[in-house]
Structure formats: structure tokens, C-alpha cells
């Protein structure tokens, strides 16, 4: 667990909730600093850029 988490139990529970939401909605978690996640995102059309 990262140092900024005050409660290991609460952090693990939060991660479990996120996993359940993703599984139930067939969603995808995108980490904004992960190049592979950014590369997989749909591109904005040029006229909106």
C-alpha cells in the first residue's frame, strides 16, 4: 500500500469496489499516466481538436 493510505483495510475495500463496478459494467479503468491506457483511448476527431 502507498504511504498516503491511512488505512490498509479501507484502501483494499475501495479497490474491491472498483473491481466490482468494472466487472458489473464491463467498464475499463484508465490510468492517466499509463502510456498503454492513453494509446488505447479513442482519438478526438481533428475538427474538434
PDB file of N, CA and C in Angstrom:
ATOM      1  N   UNK A   1       0.827  -1.171   0.000  1.00  0.00           N
ATOM      2  CA  UNK A   1       0.000   0.000   0.000  1.00  0.00           C
ATOM      3  C   UNK A   1       0.882   1.248   0.000  1.00  0.00           C
ATOM      4  N   UNK A   2       0.516   2.244  -0.772  1.00  0.00           N
ATOM      5  CA  UNK A   2       1.276   3.504  -0.750  1.00  0.00           C
ATOM      6  C   UNK A   2       1.235   4.156   0.628  1.00  0.00           C
ATOM      7  N   UNK A   3       2.228   4.946   0.910  1.00  0.00           N
ATOM      8  CA  UNK A   3       2.325   5.607   2.218  1.00  0.00           C
ATOM      9  C   UNK A   3       1.165   6.546   2.508  1.00  0.00           C
ATOM     10  N   UNK A   4       0.544   7.121   1.462  1.00  0.00           N
ATOM     11  CA  UNK A   4      -0.507   8.098   1.698  1.00  0.00           C
ATOM     12  C   UNK A   4      -1.829   7.465   2.118  1.00  0.00           C
ATOM     13  N   UNK A   5      -1.959   6.137   2.030  1.00  0.00           N
ATOM     14  CA  UNK A   5      -3.167   5.464   2.516  1.00  0.00           C
ATOM     15  C   UNK A   5      -3.100   5.351   4.033  1.00  0.00           C
ATOM     16  N   UNK A   6      -4.101   5.834   4.694  1.00  0.00           N
ATOM     17  CA  UNK A   6      -4.132   5.803   6.161  1.00  0.00           C
ATOM     18  C   UNK A   6      -4.608   4.456   6.696  1.00  0.00           C
ATOM     19  N   UNK A   7      -5.429   3.783   5.911  1.00  0.00           N
ATOM     20  CA  UNK A   7      -5.993   2.519   6.363  1.00  0.00           C
ATOM     21  C   UNK A   7      -5.868   1.474   5.263  1.00  0.00           C
ATOM     22  N   UNK A   8      -5.082   0.468   5.525  1.00  0.00           N
ATOM     23  CA  UNK A   8      -4.909  -0.610   4.542  1.00  0.00           C
ATOM     24  C   UNK A   8      -6.242  -1.262   4.213  1.00  0.00           C
ATOM     25  N   UNK A   9      -7.053  -1.508   5.247  1.00  0.00           N
ATOM     26  CA  UNK A   9      -8.358  -2.147   5.052  1.00  0.00           C
ATOM     27  C   UNK A   9      -9.279  -1.319   4.174  1.00  0.00           C
ATOM     28  N   UNK A  10      -9.331  -0.009   4.407  1.00  0.00           N
ATOM     29  CA  UNK A  10     -10.188   0.857   3.591  1.00  0.00           C
ATOM     30  C   UNK A  10      -9.682   0.933   2.153  1.00  0.00           C
ATOM     31  N   UNK A  11      -8.360   0.980   1.979  1.00  0.00           N
ATOM     32  CA  UNK A  11      -7.798   1.024   0.626  1.00  0.00           C
ATOM     33  C   UNK A  11      -8.131  -0.258  -0.136  1.00  0.00           C
ATOM     34  N   UNK A  12      -7.990  -1.402   0.504  1.00  0.00           N
ATOM     35  CA  UNK A  12      -8.306  -2.673  -0.147  1.00  0.00           C
ATOM     36  C   UNK A  12      -9.795  -2.770  -0.450  1.00  0.00           C
ATOM     37  N   UNK A  13     -10.641  -2.268   0.456  1.00  0.00           N
ATOM     38  CA  UNK A  13     -12.082  -2.275   0.211  1.00  0.00           C
ATOM     39  C   UNK A  13     -12.428  -1.395  -0.983  1.00  0.00           C
ATOM     40  N   UNK A  14     -11.779  -0.242  -1.091  1.00  0.00           N
ATOM     41  CA  UNK A  14     -12.020   0.652  -2.234  1.00  0.00           C
ATOM     42  C   UNK A  14     -11.626  -0.021  -3.540  1.00  0.00           C
ATOM     43  N   UNK A  15     -10.485  -0.684  -3.543  1.00  0.00           N
ATOM     44  CA  UNK A  15     -10.050  -1.387  -4.752  1.00  0.00           C
ATOM     45  C   UNK A  15     -11.032  -2.494  -5.117  1.00  0.00           C
ATOM     46  N   UNK A  16     -11.560  -3.174  -4.109  1.00  0.00           N
ATOM     47  CA  UNK A  16     -12.554  -4.213  -4.358  1.00  0.00           C
ATOM     48  C   UNK A  16     -13.822  -3.637  -4.968  1.00  0.00           C
ATOM     49  N   UNK A  17     -14.267  -2.476  -4.470  1.00  0.00           N
ATOM     50  CA  UNK A  17     -15.447  -1.822  -5.037  1.00  0.00           C
ATOM     51  C   UNK A  17     -15.210  -1.440  -6.497  1.00  0.00           C
ATOM     52  N   UNK A  18     -14.039  -0.911  -6.782  1.00  0.00           N
ATOM     53  CA  UNK A  18     -13.720  -0.547  -8.171  1.00  0.00           C
ATOM     54  C   UNK A  18     -13.746  -1.781  -9.056  1.00  0.00           C
ATOM     55  N   UNK A  19     -13.147  -2.878  -8.601  1.00  0.00           N
ATOM     56  CA  UNK A  19     -13.166  -4.126  -9.389  1.00  0.00           C
ATOM     57  C   UNK A  19     -14.588  -4.583  -9.672  1.00  0.00           C
ATOM     58  N   UNK A  20     -15.460  -4.522  -8.644  1.00  0.00           N
ATOM     59  CA  UNK A  20     -16.850  -4.952  -8.830  1.00  0.00           C
ATOM     60  C   UNK A  20     -17.580  -4.052  -9.827  1.00  0.00           C
ATOM     61  N   UNK A  21     -17.377  -2.747  -9.717  1.00  0.00           N
ATOM     62  CA  UNK A  21     -18.015  -1.817 -10.659  1.00  0.00           C
ATOM     63  C   UNK A  21     -17.568  -2.124 -12.080  1.00  0.00           C
ATOM     64  N   UNK A  22     -16.271  -2.312 -12.269  1.00  0.00           N
ATOM     65  CA  UNK A  22     -15.744  -2.607 -13.611  1.00  0.00           C
ATOM     66  C   UNK A  22     -16.311  -3.916 -14.142  1.00  0.00           C
ATOM     67  N   UNK A  23     -16.361  -4.911 -13.288  1.00  0.00           N
ATOM     68  CA  UNK A  23     -16.888  -6.219 -13.715  1.00  0.00           C
ATOM     69  C   UNK A  23     -18.381  -6.106 -14.047  1.00  0.00           C
ATOM     70  N   UNK A  24     -19.141  -5.425 -13.196  1.00  0.00           N
ATOM     71  CA  UNK A  24     -20.592  -5.331 -13.391  1.00  0.00           C
ATOM     72  C   UNK A  24     -20.984  -4.448 -14.570  1.00  0.00           C
ATOM     73  N   UNK A  25     -20.160  -3.499 -14.906  1.00  0.00           N
ATOM     74  CA  UNK A  25     -20.482  -2.579 -16.004  1.00  0.00           C
ATOM     75  C   UNK A  25     -19.679  -2.870 -17.261  1.00  0.00           C
ATOM     76  N   UNK A  26     -18.806  -3.867 -17.163  1.00  0.00           N
ATOM     77  CA  UNK A  26     -17.885  -4.190 -18.261  1.00  0.00           C
ATOM     78  C   UNK A  26     -17.085  -2.948 -18.646  1.00  0.00           C
ATOM     79  N   UNK A  27     -16.759  -2.172 -17.614  1.00  0.00           N
ATOM     80  CA  UNK A  27     -16.010  -0.938 -17.809  1.00  0.00           C
ATOM     81  C   UNK A  27     -14.513  -1.185 -17.900  1.00  0.00           C
ATOM     82  N   UNK A  28     -13.815  -0.110 -18.079  1.00  0.00           N
ATOM     83  CA  UNK A  28     -12.364  -0.166 -18.171  1.00  0.00           C
ATOM     84  C   UNK A  28     -11.785   0.981 -17.355  1.00  0.00           C
ATOM     85  N   UNK A  29     -10.832   0.668 -16.518  1.00  0.00           N
ATOM     86  CA  UNK A  29     -10.152   1.679 -15.723  1.00  0.00           C
ATOM     87  C   UNK A  29      -8.968   2.194 -16.527  1.00  0.00           C
ATOM     88  N   UNK A  30      -8.917   3.500 -16.712  1.00  0.00           N
ATOM     89  CA  UNK A  30      -7.832   4.120 -17.462  1.00  0.00           C
ATOM     90  C   UNK A  30      -6.966   4.903 -16.487  1.00  0.00           C
ATOM     91  N   UNK A  31      -5.707   4.536 -16.421  1.00  0.00           N
ATOM     92  CA  UNK A  31      -4.751   5.241 -15.579  1.00  0.00           C
ATOM     93  C   UNK A  31      -4.140   6.341 -16.433  1.00  0.00           C
ATOM     94  N   UNK A  32      -4.331   7.581 -16.034  1.00  0.00           N
ATOM     95  CA  UNK A  32      -3.947   8.691 -16.908  1.00  0.00           C
ATOM     96  C   UNK A  32      -2.454   8.820 -17.139  1.00  0.00           C
ATOM     97  N   UNK A  33      -1.633   8.226 -16.325  1.00  0.00           N
ATOM     98  CA  UNK A  33      -0.189   8.324 -16.550  1.00  0.00           C
ATOM     99  C   UNK A  33       0.389   7.054 -17.177  1.00  0.00           C
ATOM    100  N   UNK A  34      -0.477   6.162 -17.629  1.00  0.00           N
ATOM    101  CA  UNK A  34      -0.020   4.911 -18.230  1.00  0.00           C
ATOM    102  C   UNK A  34      -0.110   5.022 -19.755  1.00  0.00           C
ATOM    103  N   UNK A  35       1.027   5.071 -20.442  1.00  0.00           N
ATOM    104  CA  UNK A  35       1.019   5.248 -21.901  1.00  0.00           C
ATOM    105  C   UNK A  35       0.163   4.225 -22.648  1.00  0.00           C
ATOM    106  N   UNK A  36       0.138   2.975 -22.204  1.00  0.00           N
ATOM    107  CA  UNK A  36      -0.673   1.963 -22.895  1.00  0.00           C
ATOM    108  C   UNK A  36      -2.160   2.283 -22.798  1.00  0.00           C
ATOM    109  N   UNK A  37      -2.602   2.786 -21.645  1.00  0.00           N
ATOM    110  CA  UNK A  37      -4.005   3.157 -21.494  1.00  0.00           C
ATOM    111  C   UNK A  37      -4.344   4.354 -22.377  1.00  0.00           C
ATOM    112  N   UNK A  38      -3.471   5.350 -22.396  1.00  0.00           N
ATOM    113  CA  UNK A  38      -3.703   6.537 -23.223  1.00  0.00           C
ATOM    114  C   UNK A  38      -3.741   6.154 -24.700  1.00  0.00           C
ATOM    115  N   UNK A  39      -2.842   5.299 -25.132  1.00  0.00           N
ATOM    116  CA  UNK A  39      -2.785   4.881 -26.536  1.00  0.00           C
ATOM    117  C   UNK A  39      -4.054   4.129 -26.955  1.00  0.00           C
ATOM    118  N   UNK A  40      -4.709   3.461 -26.025  1.00  0.00           N
ATOM    119  CA  UNK A  40      -5.903   2.685 -26.340  1.00  0.00           C
ATOM    120  C   UNK A  40      -7.171   3.536 -26.393  1.00  0.00           C
ATOM    121  N   UNK A  41      -7.102   4.784 -25.959  1.00  0.00           N
ATOM    122  CA  UNK A  41      -8.274   5.653 -25.950  1.00  0.00           C
ATOM    123  C   UNK A  41      -8.633   6.074 -27.369  1.00  0.00           C
ATOM    124  N   UNK A  42      -9.935   6.269 -27.634  1.00  0.00           N
ATOM    125  CA  UNK A  42     -10.312   6.757 -28.958  1.00  0.00           C
ATOM    126  C   UNK A  42      -9.752   8.159 -29.187  1.00  0.00           C
ATOM    127  N   UNK A  43      -9.407   8.450 -30.401  1.00  0.00           N
ATOM    128  CA  UNK A  43      -8.842   9.763 -30.750  1.00  0.00           C
ATOM    129  C   UNK A  43      -9.953  10.757 -30.990  1.00  0.00           C
ATOM    130  N   UNK A  44      -9.733  11.993 -30.597  1.00  0.00           N
ATOM    131  CA  UNK A  44     -10.669  13.078 -30.854  1.00  0.00           C
ATOM    132  C   UNK A  44     -10.574  13.416 -32.352  1.00  0.00           C
ATOM    133  N   UNK A  45     -11.715  13.546 -33.025  1.00  0.00           N
ATOM    134  CA  UNK A  45     -11.650  13.931 -34.439  1.00  0.00           C
ATOM    135  C   UNK A  45     -10.901  15.252 -34.611  1.00  0.00           C
ATOM    136  N   UNK A  46     -10.190  15.374 -35.702  1.00  0.00           N
ATOM    137  CA  UNK A  46      -9.353  16.553 -35.960  1.00  0.00           C
ATOM    138  C   UNK A  46     -10.150  17.854 -35.890  1.00  0.00           C
ATOM    139  N   UNK A  47     -11.401  17.841 -36.328  1.00  0.00           N
ATOM    140  CA  UNK A  47     -12.179  19.088 -36.331  1.00  0.00           C
ATOM    141  C   UNK A  47     -12.572  19.530 -34.931  1.00  0.00           C
ATOM    142  N   UNK A  48     -12.445  18.667 -33.921  1.00  0.00           N
ATOM    143  CA  UNK A  48     -12.725  19.044 -32.537  1.00  0.00           C
ATOM    144  C   UNK A  48     -11.455  19.409 -31.777  1.00  0.00           C
ATOM    145  N   UNK A  49     -10.345  19.123 -32.364  1.00  0.00           N
ATOM    146  CA  UNK A  49      -9.056  19.327 -31.701  1.00  0.00           C
ATOM    147  C   UNK A  49      -8.688  20.781 -31.620  1.00  0.00           C
TER     148      UNK A  49
END
